[in-house]
């Protein structure tokens, strides 16, 4: 199944159909049609990667088990979940969020057993030489949308293809958003359980809230106490579909607080965005530029401020997803610096009682416009973790809005690229240290969503989700070589490579001198590559080969009451005490 040549669509089809015939599989008309869609649509683009995409097709056709019986499986000689081998990672610099050291890491049965220098093992142990390289916890992406139905379409990456891409990029866990069905959290959760059945790495769930009533309130308790969900997302945007008003947002925040669940918001003023969209259409601006023009940064800033103030009023932690503008970042920084006012009370509060607001920047925002990385408020507002909001729609799906930007499905890729781009943008630029890198890409997410130190660390007893990162290796980000099903890549052409050559971008920009426009030359030099990914104690990415196994991923339950809730009860008690309630008044005599 390996040939290093580009195949035309019909050749790819023949390649796949030949394999079907080898195992004696007869395709009915629908199944054959789907294989044609898979191959001609780009699923089997290059023969050297065809086995990966072939399994994706088989997964859709529910015939993976047949190939298991035939003794063939993508990435391995046997089917099902391979037994966790014993692994020794030798001589690397082991990096955690709090320290780094040169040490060996011994893994057995999917768990880190020892982290110390000079570990000796037997011949039955796979040894990986990490000399001169960093050994770090696998990345955790806090924000993804796989197999999500949205705007009349469904994201092109499902739980297998999206997770396989993540593994190739060094991410070993992600947290996806469950979308309720007709407002029902239970129905939505059950649907996503089915979507995730072929997962090839560990994952968790956030839950979106798209309406509010007592049934939803009761279901939230079930999600937290029985289903392992500890975060709920509220939409202040998408008028007419997901958006809820301030009254319901307050009710949702109160319920989150009582359950110890983290309240999350998509912060944009939905009413104003709707008005902005109408304005653009009236002006004849119907192309994709209308999307940005209809929702200027001030609308994200306004909604962010409002969400912060309402969370402060309820006194509950707040997580602002995909922070994309300076306006929003400044509001988050202001809240984190000042702490709560508690209705302007002058009662002094302890440090542990300060308002907890988390700002989540996404990698596309950091990389495609890195100017805000150098803003004085960035460290305070958004230097805790980095997500992707991976929400992949292909060119055909994007073309739904060719004449009306309001119909373009929103979203870009990032689940495979995040680890490399954060390294290049922030470590190589001197913004952060290597330990900070681990914190931003893995540890802090694990802490916020209460799975640390099982995840987000290389410590004895932690899950063996580990990457070996070579800071001097090289590759280029391109849709031709990425592992997503997406036919484009928003980071196309960005080189992650040694200092041999560079990518040069030339663009017209206004120059401050005499107000004359001119050329600005941007030279993008970057380096660093994930060379090995270990997920659950299995080597799933090595030598540029992906060995993802459908069904090997596990759902990770996340407990309520993370560290952000510590001290909130003291703040509540101080506030109530300051009110001196109930107030006793003399009754007037008549």
Protein backbone atom coordinates (compact mmCIF):
# COMPACT_ATOMS: atom_id res chain seq x y z
CA UNK A 1 0.00 0.00 0.00
CA UNK A 2 2.97 2.35 -0.29
CA UNK A 3 3.84 4.26 -3.46
CA UNK A 4 5.34 7.70 -3.42
CA UNK A 5 3.45 9.05 -6.40
CA UNK A 6 0.39 11.25 -6.77
CA UNK A 7 -2.58 9.29 -8.09
CA UNK A 8 -5.40 10.61 -10.21
CA UNK A 9 -8.92 10.17 -8.87
CA UNK A 10 -9.76 7.08 -10.92
CA UNK A 11 -6.42 5.47 -10.04
CA UNK A 12 -7.16 6.05 -6.37
CA UNK A 13 -10.58 4.52 -6.85
CA UNK A 14 -9.00 1.48 -8.47
CA UNK A 15 -6.54 1.20 -5.61
CA UNK A 16 -9.32 1.15 -3.03
CA UNK A 17 -11.63 -1.12 -4.99
CA UNK A 18 -8.74 -3.53 -5.53
CA UNK A 19 -8.28 -3.85 -1.79
CA UNK A 20 -12.01 -4.44 -1.42
CA UNK A 21 -11.81 -7.26 -3.95
CA UNK A 22 -8.80 -8.82 -2.24
CA UNK A 23 -10.83 -9.50 0.88
CA UNK A 24 -13.92 -10.51 -1.05
CA UNK A 25 -16.11 -7.59 -0.07
CA UNK A 26 -19.06 -6.97 -2.34
CA UNK A 27 -20.25 -3.36 -2.38
CA UNK A 28 -23.87 -2.45 -2.82
CA UNK A 29 -24.73 0.66 -4.83
CA UNK A 30 -24.78 3.03 -1.84
CA UNK A 31 -21.49 1.74 -0.44
CA UNK A 32 -19.78 1.97 -3.81
CA UNK A 33 -21.04 5.49 -4.15
CA UNK A 34 -19.54 6.41 -0.81
CA UNK A 35 -16.18 4.93 -1.78
CA UNK A 36 -16.30 7.03 -4.94
CA UNK A 37 -17.05 10.10 -2.81
CA UNK A 38 -14.18 9.28 -0.45
CA UNK A 39 -11.63 8.84 -3.20
CA UNK A 40 -12.58 11.44 -5.76
CA UNK A 41 -13.34 13.89 -2.95
CA UNK A 42 -9.73 13.75 -1.83
CA UNK A 43 -9.92 11.17 0.96
CA UNK A 44 -7.28 9.02 -0.72
CA UNK A 45 -5.22 11.84 -2.11
CA UNK A 46 -1.80 10.26 -1.94
CA UNK A 47 -1.18 6.54 -2.11
CA UNK A 48 1.44 6.71 0.61
CA UNK A 49 -1.34 7.84 2.98
CA UNK A 50 -4.15 5.86 1.37
CA UNK A 51 -4.39 3.28 4.15
CA UNK A 52 -5.27 6.01 6.64
CA UNK A 53 -8.06 7.41 4.50
CA UNK A 54 -9.10 3.93 3.43
CA UNK A 55 -9.84 3.11 7.07
CA UNK A 56 -11.80 6.36 7.34
CA UNK A 57 -13.97 5.14 4.46
CA UNK A 58 -14.28 1.69 6.01
CA UNK A 59 -15.30 3.28 9.28
CA UNK A 60 -18.15 5.03 7.48
CA UNK A 61 -19.11 1.77 5.78
CA UNK A 62 -18.95 -0.17 9.06
CA UNK A 63 -16.58 -2.75 7.61
CA UNK A 64 -13.49 -2.10 9.73
CA UNK A 65 -14.07 -5.36 11.53
CA UNK A 66 -13.85 -7.30 8.28
CA UNK A 67 -10.36 -5.99 7.64
CA UNK A 68 -9.43 -6.80 11.20
CA UNK A 69 -10.34 -10.40 10.52
CA UNK A 70 -8.20 -10.28 7.41
CA UNK A 71 -5.21 -9.37 9.56
CA UNK A 72 -4.82 -5.83 8.21
CA UNK A 73 -5.26 -2.63 10.12
CA UNK A 74 -4.15 0.92 9.57
CA UNK A 75 -1.02 1.41 11.57
CA UNK A 76 -0.59 -2.08 12.96
CA UNK A 77 -0.46 -5.81 12.34
CA UNK A 78 -3.49 -6.68 14.41
CA UNK A 79 -6.91 -5.22 15.04
CA UNK A 80 -8.65 -3.76 18.00
CA UNK A 81 -6.64 -1.90 20.60
CA UNK A 82 -3.07 -3.08 20.67
CA UNK A 83 -1.76 -4.10 24.03
CA UNK A 84 0.17 -1.26 25.64
CA UNK A 85 3.84 -2.01 25.14
CA UNK A 86 6.54 -1.15 27.61
CA UNK A 87 8.35 1.97 26.52
CA UNK A 88 11.51 3.68 27.72
CA UNK A 89 12.17 7.21 26.55
CA UNK A 90 15.90 7.66 26.99
CA UNK A 91 18.01 10.72 27.65
CA UNK A 92 15.61 13.54 26.83
CA UNK A 93 14.86 16.77 28.66
CA UNK A 94 11.61 16.04 30.49
CA UNK A 95 9.55 19.20 30.71
CA UNK A 96 6.61 19.82 33.02
CA UNK A 97 4.90 23.14 33.70
CA UNK A 98 6.85 23.64 36.93
CA UNK A 99 10.30 22.31 36.04
CA UNK A 100 12.49 20.48 33.54
CA UNK A 101 15.22 17.88 33.95
CA UNK A 102 17.28 15.44 31.92
CA UNK A 103 15.81 12.05 32.72
CA UNK A 104 14.44 8.81 31.35
CA UNK A 105 10.72 8.06 31.31
CA UNK A 106 9.49 4.49 31.70
CA UNK A 107 5.95 3.64 30.63
CA UNK A 108 4.03 0.44 31.24
CA UNK A 109 0.36 -0.41 30.63
CA UNK A 110 -0.40 3.14 29.54
CA UNK A 111 0.89 4.74 32.75
CA UNK A 112 4.09 6.61 33.60
CA UNK A 113 5.90 4.31 36.03
CA UNK A 114 9.20 6.13 36.57
CA UNK A 115 10.87 9.46 35.75
CA UNK A 116 14.55 9.43 36.71
CA UNK A 117 18.01 9.27 35.18
CA UNK A 118 19.60 6.05 33.94
CA UNK A 119 16.69 3.60 33.97
CA UNK A 120 17.71 0.08 32.93
CA UNK A 121 15.18 -2.19 31.21
CA UNK A 122 14.95 -5.61 29.62
CA UNK A 123 14.90 -6.60 25.96
CA UNK A 124 11.11 -6.60 25.82
CA UNK A 125 10.95 -2.82 26.18
CA UNK A 126 10.76 -0.45 23.21
CA UNK A 127 13.46 2.19 23.63
CA UNK A 128 13.10 5.67 22.13
CA UNK A 129 16.20 7.84 22.05
CA UNK A 130 15.29 11.42 22.99
CA UNK A 131 18.81 12.79 23.40
CA UNK A 132 18.89 16.48 22.57
CA UNK A 133 15.09 16.63 22.42
CA UNK A 134 12.25 17.66 24.70
CA UNK A 135 9.95 15.08 26.27
CA UNK A 136 6.68 16.80 27.12
CA UNK A 137 3.06 16.00 28.03
CA UNK A 138 0.83 15.53 25.02
CA UNK A 139 -1.19 18.59 24.12
CA UNK A 140 -4.75 19.12 25.29
CA UNK A 141 -6.96 21.16 22.98
CA UNK A 142 -9.76 22.76 25.03
CA UNK A 143 -11.92 23.79 22.07
CA UNK A 144 -12.91 21.64 19.08
CA UNK A 145 -15.94 20.86 16.95
CA UNK A 146 -15.81 17.41 15.37
CA UNK A 147 -18.77 15.94 13.48
CA UNK A 148 -20.77 19.04 14.35
CA UNK A 149 -23.92 19.89 12.45
CA UNK A 150 -23.95 23.63 11.87
CA UNK A 151 -25.40 26.10 9.37
CA UNK A 152 -26.95 23.38 7.23
CA UNK A 153 -23.80 21.29 7.01
CA UNK A 154 -21.51 19.09 9.11
CA UNK A 155 -17.84 19.60 9.85
CA UNK A 156 -15.68 17.53 7.52
CA UNK A 157 -13.58 16.04 10.34
CA UNK A 158 -15.28 13.44 12.50
CA UNK A 159 -13.92 12.01 15.73
CA UNK A 160 -11.57 9.60 13.98
CA UNK A 161 -10.12 11.84 11.28
CA UNK A 162 -9.90 14.91 13.51
CA UNK A 163 -8.27 13.01 16.34
CA UNK A 164 -5.85 11.25 13.98
CA UNK A 165 -4.78 14.67 12.72
CA UNK A 166 -4.36 15.82 16.32
CA UNK A 167 -2.10 12.88 17.14
CA UNK A 168 0.13 13.67 14.17
CA UNK A 169 0.52 17.15 15.64
CA UNK A 170 1.24 16.09 19.22
CA UNK A 171 -2.21 16.60 20.78
CA UNK A 172 -3.36 13.57 22.78
CA UNK A 173 -6.65 14.81 24.26
CA UNK A 174 -9.28 17.33 23.25
CA UNK A 175 -12.55 18.62 24.67
CA UNK A 176 -15.40 18.86 22.17
CA UNK A 177 -18.70 20.70 22.47
CA UNK A 178 -21.89 18.68 22.66
CA UNK A 179 -24.73 20.49 20.88
CA UNK A 180 -28.17 19.71 22.38
CA UNK A 181 -30.87 18.29 20.15
CA UNK A 182 -33.94 20.51 20.24
CA UNK A 183 -32.59 21.92 23.49
CA UNK A 184 -32.25 18.49 25.14
CA UNK A 185 -28.88 17.94 26.81
CA UNK A 186 -29.52 14.24 27.24
CA UNK A 187 -30.35 13.69 23.58
CA UNK A 188 -27.31 15.70 22.55
CA UNK A 189 -25.01 13.74 24.86
CA UNK A 190 -26.27 10.41 23.54
CA UNK A 191 -25.78 11.56 19.97
CA UNK A 192 -22.20 12.59 20.66
CA UNK A 193 -21.47 9.30 22.41
CA UNK A 194 -22.29 7.63 19.10
CA UNK A 195 -20.27 10.14 17.10
CA UNK A 196 -17.23 9.39 19.26
CA UNK A 197 -17.38 5.59 19.16
CA UNK A 198 -14.43 5.35 16.74
CA UNK A 199 -12.22 7.76 18.67
CA UNK A 200 -8.51 7.09 18.49
CA UNK A 201 -7.46 9.29 21.42
CA UNK A 202 -8.89 10.44 24.73
CA UNK A 203 -11.49 13.18 24.79
CA UNK A 204 -13.93 15.02 27.05
CA UNK A 205 -17.08 17.03 26.51
CA UNK A 206 -18.29 20.53 27.20
CA UNK A 207 -22.06 21.03 26.93
CA UNK A 208 -23.67 23.90 25.03
CA UNK A 209 -26.85 25.48 26.40
CA UNK A 210 -29.15 26.68 23.62
CA UNK A 211 -32.35 27.31 25.58
CA UNK A 212 -33.40 27.58 29.22
CA UNK A 213 -36.13 26.00 31.30
CA UNK A 214 -36.42 23.79 34.37
CA UNK A 215 -35.83 20.65 32.31
CA UNK A 216 -32.49 22.01 31.08
CA UNK A 217 -31.58 23.03 34.63
CA UNK A 218 -32.28 19.49 35.86
CA UNK A 219 -30.35 17.97 32.95
CA UNK A 220 -27.32 20.08 33.83
CA UNK A 221 -27.19 18.34 37.20
CA UNK A 222 -27.33 14.94 35.50
CA UNK A 223 -24.51 15.94 33.15
CA UNK A 224 -22.29 17.00 36.04
CA UNK A 225 -23.06 14.23 38.51
CA UNK A 226 -23.50 11.27 36.14
CA UNK A 227 -21.91 12.05 32.77
CA UNK A 228 -18.58 13.65 33.67
CA UNK A 229 -19.22 17.11 32.20
CA UNK A 230 -18.04 20.11 34.22
CA UNK A 231 -18.48 23.04 31.83
CA UNK A 232 -21.39 24.66 30.01
CA UNK A 233 -21.20 27.09 27.11
CA UNK A 234 -23.67 29.95 26.62
CA UNK A 235 -24.00 31.79 23.32
CA UNK A 236 -24.39 35.56 23.36
CA UNK A 237 -24.34 35.43 19.53
CA UNK A 238 -26.20 33.56 16.74
CA UNK A 239 -29.50 35.37 17.06
CA UNK A 240 -32.44 33.14 16.22
CA UNK A 241 -30.62 29.87 16.93
CA UNK A 242 -28.21 29.48 19.88
CA UNK A 243 -28.35 32.97 21.42
CA UNK A 244 -29.84 33.48 24.88
CA UNK A 245 -30.65 36.78 26.60
CA UNK A 246 -29.14 38.22 29.77
CA UNK A 247 -31.92 36.95 32.01
CA UNK A 248 -31.29 33.37 30.94
CA UNK A 249 -27.54 33.90 31.07
CA UNK A 250 -27.81 34.89 34.74
CA UNK A 251 -29.93 31.81 35.47
CA UNK A 252 -27.35 29.64 33.71
CA UNK A 253 -24.48 31.21 35.65
CA UNK A 254 -26.30 30.59 38.94
CA UNK A 255 -26.88 26.96 38.04
CA UNK A 256 -23.24 26.48 37.04
CA UNK A 257 -22.10 27.92 40.35
CA UNK A 258 -24.35 25.62 42.38
CA UNK A 259 -23.05 22.57 40.49
CA UNK A 260 -19.39 23.57 40.55
CA UNK A 261 -19.37 23.71 36.75
CA UNK A 262 -17.43 26.26 34.74
CA UNK A 263 -19.57 28.79 32.83
CA UNK A 264 -18.26 29.47 29.32
CA UNK A 265 -19.41 32.18 26.91
CA UNK A 266 -19.18 32.91 23.22
CA UNK A 267 -18.99 36.66 23.72
CA UNK A 268 -20.37 38.72 20.85
CA UNK A 269 -23.38 41.03 20.88
CA UNK A 270 -25.74 38.93 18.80
CA UNK A 271 -28.29 41.68 18.26
CA UNK A 272 -25.65 44.09 17.00
CA UNK A 273 -24.03 41.44 14.78
CA UNK A 274 -27.42 40.75 13.22
CA UNK A 275 -27.82 44.47 12.55
CA UNK A 276 -24.29 44.61 11.12
CA UNK A 277 -25.06 41.76 8.75
CA UNK A 278 -28.15 43.53 7.47
CA UNK A 279 -26.11 46.70 6.98
CA UNK A 280 -23.49 44.91 4.88
CA UNK A 281 -26.11 43.27 2.66
CA UNK A 282 -27.82 46.62 2.13
CA UNK A 283 -24.47 48.08 1.07
CA UNK A 284 -23.93 45.27 -1.41
CA UNK A 285 -21.09 43.69 0.55
CA UNK A 286 -22.00 40.02 0.16
CA UNK A 287 -18.56 38.35 -0.01
CA UNK A 288 -16.60 36.83 2.87
CA UNK A 289 -15.22 40.24 3.85
CA UNK A 290 -18.75 41.01 5.06
CA UNK A 291 -18.31 38.52 7.90
CA UNK A 292 -15.57 40.55 9.60
CA UNK A 293 -17.07 43.93 8.71
CA UNK A 294 -20.42 42.99 10.25
CA UNK A 295 -18.91 42.11 13.65
CA UNK A 296 -16.24 44.70 14.53
CA UNK A 297 -14.08 44.09 17.63
CA UNK A 298 -16.10 46.47 19.78
CA UNK A 299 -19.02 44.00 19.70
CA UNK A 300 -16.82 41.27 21.16
CA UNK A 301 -15.51 43.75 23.71
CA UNK A 302 -19.03 44.81 24.75
CA UNK A 303 -20.26 41.25 25.18
CA UNK A 304 -17.11 40.24 27.05
CA UNK A 305 -17.58 43.12 29.47
CA UNK A 306 -21.22 42.21 29.99
CA UNK A 307 -20.44 38.54 30.62
CA UNK A 308 -17.70 39.43 33.09
CA UNK A 309 -19.98 41.79 35.00
CA UNK A 310 -22.83 39.25 35.15
CA UNK A 311 -20.45 36.51 36.31
CA UNK A 312 -19.16 38.92 38.94
CA UNK A 313 -22.74 39.65 40.02
CA UNK A 314 -23.35 35.91 40.48
CA UNK A 315 -19.79 35.41 41.80
CA UNK A 316 -18.91 32.47 39.60
CA UNK A 317 -15.80 31.74 37.50
CA UNK A 318 -16.01 32.58 33.80
CA UNK A 319 -14.24 31.17 30.74
CA UNK A 320 -14.38 33.32 27.59
CA UNK A 321 -13.87 31.16 24.50
CA UNK A 322 -11.93 32.14 21.37
CA UNK A 323 -10.83 35.62 22.41
CA UNK A 324 -10.15 37.25 19.05
CA UNK A 325 -9.81 41.00 19.61
CA UNK A 326 -7.84 43.52 21.62
CA UNK A 327 -11.15 44.92 22.90
CA UNK A 328 -12.06 41.63 24.56
CA UNK A 329 -8.55 40.97 25.80
CA UNK A 330 -8.35 44.35 27.51
CA UNK A 331 -11.64 43.72 29.34
CA UNK A 332 -10.44 40.33 30.57
CA UNK A 333 -7.13 41.82 31.70
CA UNK A 334 -8.95 44.58 33.56
CA UNK A 335 -11.13 42.05 35.40
CA UNK A 336 -8.20 39.80 36.32
CA UNK A 337 -6.19 42.73 37.65
CA UNK A 338 -8.96 44.43 39.61
CA UNK A 339 -10.84 41.53 41.14
CA UNK A 340 -14.55 41.78 41.94
CA UNK A 341 -16.42 44.82 43.16
CA UNK A 342 -19.37 42.93 44.57
CA UNK A 343 -21.90 45.65 43.84
CA UNK A 344 -19.35 48.34 44.76
CA UNK A 345 -18.98 47.11 48.32
CA UNK A 346 -15.86 48.42 50.07
CA UNK A 347 -15.42 45.23 52.09
CA UNK A 348 -11.79 44.11 51.52
CA UNK A 349 -11.44 40.63 50.07
CA UNK A 350 -8.61 38.14 50.36
CA UNK A 351 -6.55 37.28 47.27
CA UNK A 352 -8.24 33.89 47.03
CA UNK A 353 -11.58 35.65 46.64
CA UNK A 354 -10.63 37.49 43.46
CA UNK A 355 -12.79 37.06 40.41
CA UNK A 356 -11.64 34.21 38.19
CA UNK A 357 -11.84 34.96 34.46
CA UNK A 358 -10.07 32.80 31.88
CA UNK A 359 -9.47 34.14 28.37
CA UNK A 360 -8.90 31.48 25.71
CA UNK A 361 -7.04 32.73 22.62
CA UNK A 362 -7.13 30.44 19.59
CA UNK A 363 -4.06 29.62 17.57
CA UNK A 364 -5.41 31.10 14.34
CA UNK A 365 -5.79 34.46 16.02
CA UNK A 366 -2.26 34.34 17.45
CA UNK A 367 -0.55 33.23 14.27
CA UNK A 368 -2.39 35.08 11.53
CA UNK A 369 -2.10 38.35 13.49
CA UNK A 370 0.60 38.09 16.14
CA UNK A 371 0.72 41.80 16.97
CA UNK A 372 -1.31 41.39 20.14
CA UNK A 373 1.21 38.91 21.55
CA UNK A 374 3.31 41.94 22.41
CA UNK A 375 0.48 43.89 24.02
CA UNK A 376 1.01 44.63 27.71
CA UNK A 377 -2.33 43.06 28.63
CA UNK A 378 -1.74 39.75 26.85
CA UNK A 379 0.12 38.12 29.73
CA UNK A 380 -2.67 38.98 32.16
CA UNK A 381 -5.64 38.28 29.92
CA UNK A 382 -4.84 35.30 27.77
CA UNK A 383 -1.57 33.62 28.69
CA UNK A 384 -3.13 30.64 30.42
CA UNK A 385 -3.92 28.25 27.58
CA UNK A 386 -4.40 28.16 23.81
CA UNK A 387 -7.19 26.37 21.92
CA UNK A 388 -7.99 25.95 18.25
CA UNK A 389 -11.77 26.09 17.76
CA UNK A 390 -11.05 23.47 15.08
CA UNK A 391 -14.22 23.57 13.00
CA UNK A 392 -13.36 22.36 9.52
CA UNK A 393 -15.58 22.92 6.48
CA UNK A 394 -14.21 22.19 3.02
CA UNK A 395 -14.28 24.40 -0.07
CA UNK A 396 -17.56 22.99 -1.28
CA UNK A 397 -19.22 23.69 2.04
CA UNK A 398 -17.75 27.18 2.23
CA UNK A 399 -19.12 27.86 -1.25
CA UNK A 400 -22.66 27.66 0.13
CA UNK A 401 -22.19 31.34 0.95
CA UNK A 402 -20.59 32.44 -2.31
CA UNK A 403 -23.27 35.10 -2.79
CA UNK A 404 -24.13 35.69 0.87
CA UNK A 405 -21.46 35.62 3.58
CA UNK A 406 -24.14 34.86 6.18
CA UNK A 407 -24.40 31.35 4.72
CA UNK A 408 -20.67 30.54 4.92
CA UNK A 409 -20.14 27.89 7.64
CA UNK A 410 -17.83 29.45 10.22
CA UNK A 411 -14.53 27.84 11.15
CA UNK A 412 -10.94 26.93 10.28
CA UNK A 413 -8.53 24.10 11.08
CA UNK A 414 -5.89 23.95 13.79
CA UNK A 415 -6.08 20.71 15.77
CA UNK A 416 -3.00 19.30 14.01
CA UNK A 417 -1.05 22.55 13.76
CA UNK A 418 -1.54 24.07 17.22
CA UNK A 419 1.46 22.58 19.04
CA UNK A 420 3.92 23.55 16.31
CA UNK A 421 2.51 27.04 15.81
CA UNK A 422 2.47 27.92 19.50
CA UNK A 423 6.09 26.81 19.74
CA UNK A 424 7.11 28.84 16.71
CA UNK A 425 5.08 31.92 17.54
CA UNK A 426 5.72 32.11 21.26
CA UNK A 427 8.79 30.08 22.25
CA UNK A 428 11.00 30.90 19.27
CA UNK A 429 10.05 34.58 19.57
CA UNK A 430 11.13 34.66 23.20
CA UNK A 431 7.61 35.27 24.51
CA UNK A 432 7.56 32.18 26.73
CA UNK A 433 9.85 29.49 28.14
CA UNK A 434 9.67 25.78 27.41
CA UNK A 435 7.92 25.18 30.74
CA UNK A 436 5.43 27.92 29.87
CA UNK A 437 4.83 26.13 26.58
CA UNK A 438 3.82 22.98 28.45
CA UNK A 439 1.53 25.01 30.68
CA UNK A 440 -0.19 26.76 27.76
CA UNK A 441 -0.62 23.69 25.55
CA UNK A 442 -1.44 21.06 28.18
CA UNK A 443 -1.15 21.58 31.93
CA UNK A 444 -3.40 24.58 32.50
CA UNK A 445 -6.19 23.02 30.44
CA UNK A 446 -5.89 19.88 32.57
CA UNK A 447 -6.11 21.97 35.73
CA UNK A 448 -9.05 24.09 34.59
CA UNK A 449 -11.07 21.04 33.59
CA UNK A 450 -9.97 18.99 36.59
CA UNK A 451 -8.04 16.14 34.98
CA UNK A 452 -4.60 17.09 36.34
CA UNK A 453 -2.24 15.34 37.06
CA UNK A 454 -3.73 12.37 35.22
CA UNK A 455 -3.35 14.54 32.13
CA UNK A 456 -1.07 17.49 31.46
CA UNK A 457 2.01 16.13 33.25
CA UNK A 458 4.77 13.56 33.05
CA UNK A 459 4.68 12.34 36.63
CA UNK A 460 4.57 8.89 38.16
CA UNK A 461 0.95 7.73 37.84
CA UNK A 462 0.05 10.10 35.00
CA UNK A 463 -1.41 8.74 31.77
CA UNK A 464 1.31 8.02 29.24
CA UNK A 465 0.31 10.79 26.83
CA UNK A 466 3.73 12.04 25.79
CA UNK A 467 5.45 13.72 22.86
CA UNK A 468 9.09 13.86 21.83
CA UNK A 469 9.75 17.28 20.35
CA UNK A 470 12.80 18.07 18.25
CA UNK A 471 13.43 21.83 18.26
CA UNK A 472 15.76 21.49 15.26
CA UNK A 473 13.64 19.38 12.91
CA UNK A 474 11.75 20.63 9.87
CA UNK A 475 8.56 20.37 7.83
CA UNK A 476 6.06 22.52 5.96
CA UNK A 477 2.40 22.97 6.80
CA UNK A 478 0.28 22.26 3.74
CA UNK A 479 -3.07 20.75 2.80
CA UNK A 480 -1.18 18.19 0.71
CA UNK A 481 0.43 16.62 3.76
CA UNK A 482 -1.87 17.32 6.69
CA UNK A 483 -4.09 14.56 8.07
CA UNK A 484 -7.38 16.40 8.29
CA UNK A 485 -9.99 15.68 5.62
CA UNK A 486 -9.98 19.38 4.85
CA UNK A 487 -8.93 20.32 1.30
CA UNK A 488 -7.38 23.63 2.39
CA UNK A 489 -5.20 24.79 5.26
CA UNK A 490 -5.40 28.31 6.66
CA UNK A 491 -1.69 28.08 7.53
CA UNK A 492 -0.70 26.91 4.04
CA UNK A 493 2.96 27.47 3.22
CA UNK A 494 4.13 28.21 6.73
CA UNK A 495 7.45 26.47 7.12
CA UNK A 496 8.50 24.85 10.36
CA UNK A 497 12.11 24.21 9.50
CA UNK A 498 15.80 24.82 10.04
CA UNK A 499 17.52 28.05 9.11
CA UNK A 500 18.37 26.87 5.57
CA UNK A 501 15.69 28.87 3.76
CA UNK A 502 12.70 31.01 4.61
CA UNK A 503 9.19 31.82 3.45
CA UNK A 504 8.89 35.42 2.32
CA UNK A 505 5.57 37.24 2.23
CA UNK A 506 5.23 40.58 0.49
CA UNK A 507 2.20 42.77 1.10
CA UNK A 508 1.18 46.35 0.46
CA UNK A 509 0.89 48.36 3.68
CA UNK A 510 0.53 52.06 4.52
CA UNK A 511 3.83 53.46 5.71
CA UNK A 512 3.92 56.12 8.41
CA UNK A 513 6.55 58.19 6.57
CA UNK A 514 4.72 60.88 4.62
CA UNK A 515 1.66 58.62 4.51
CA UNK A 516 3.03 56.85 1.42
CA UNK A 517 2.16 53.22 0.83
CA UNK A 518 4.91 50.72 0.21
CA UNK A 519 5.93 47.09 0.52
CA UNK A 520 6.44 45.27 3.80
CA UNK A 521 8.45 42.06 3.62
CA UNK A 522 7.66 39.45 6.28
CA UNK A 523 10.18 36.63 6.62
CA UNK A 524 8.68 33.67 8.47
CA UNK A 525 11.37 31.39 9.87
CA UNK A 526 10.28 28.75 12.31
CA UNK A 527 11.42 25.42 13.57
CA UNK A 528 10.49 22.51 15.82
CA UNK A 529 8.58 19.33 15.18
CA UNK A 530 6.74 16.63 17.09
CA UNK A 531 8.65 13.50 16.09
CA UNK A 532 6.91 10.97 18.34
CA UNK A 533 3.45 10.94 19.88
CA UNK A 534 2.53 8.41 22.56
CA UNK A 535 -1.15 8.20 23.49
CA UNK A 536 -2.33 5.87 26.23
CA UNK A 537 1.03 4.14 26.24
CA UNK A 538 0.99 3.40 22.49
CA UNK A 539 3.28 4.95 19.92
CA UNK A 540 0.83 6.45 17.44
CA UNK A 541 3.11 8.83 15.50
CA UNK A 542 6.71 8.01 14.62
CA UNK A 543 8.89 8.50 11.54
CA UNK A 544 6.09 10.52 9.95
CA UNK A 545 3.82 7.48 10.11
CA UNK A 546 0.44 7.61 11.82
CA UNK A 547 -0.80 4.54 13.66
CA UNK A 548 -4.24 5.59 14.86
CA UNK A 549 -6.61 2.81 15.89
CA UNK A 550 -10.38 3.43 15.75
CA UNK A 551 -11.98 2.75 19.11
CA UNK A 552 -8.81 3.11 21.18
CA UNK A 553 -9.75 6.51 22.60
CA UNK A 554 -11.50 6.86 25.95
CA UNK A 555 -14.03 9.36 27.25
CA UNK A 556 -12.46 11.19 30.18
CA UNK A 557 -14.91 12.23 32.88
CA UNK A 558 -14.17 15.63 34.36
CA UNK A 559 -15.08 16.37 37.96
CA UNK A 560 -16.77 19.61 39.13
CA UNK A 561 -15.37 22.28 41.47
CA UNK A 562 -11.96 22.94 39.95
CA UNK A 563 -9.42 25.24 41.55
CA UNK A 564 -11.21 28.36 40.24
CA UNK A 565 -13.98 27.74 42.78
CA UNK A 566 -11.65 27.82 45.78
CA UNK A 567 -12.47 30.74 48.03
CA UNK A 568 -15.79 31.67 46.43
CA UNK A 569 -17.69 30.67 49.55
CA UNK A 570 -15.60 33.15 51.57
CA UNK A 571 -16.40 35.91 49.11
CA UNK A 572 -20.11 35.11 49.32
CA UNK A 573 -20.00 35.14 53.10
CA UNK A 574 -18.23 38.52 53.18
CA UNK A 575 -20.74 40.01 50.77
CA UNK A 576 -23.75 38.73 52.72
CA UNK A 577 -22.24 39.94 55.96
CA UNK A 578 -21.77 43.41 54.49
CA UNK A 579 -25.49 43.64 53.77
CA UNK A 580 -26.43 43.16 57.45
CA UNK A 581 -29.64 41.54 56.29
CA UNK A 582 -32.41 41.34 57.15
CA UNK A 583 -32.82 45.03 58.02
CA UNK A 584 -35.09 45.54 61.03
CA UNK A 585 -37.28 48.59 60.78
CA UNK A 586 -39.72 50.12 63.23
CA UNK A 587 -43.31 49.64 62.22
CA UNK A 588 -45.17 52.89 61.73
CA UNK A 589 -48.14 53.44 64.00
CA UNK A 590 -51.46 54.46 62.49
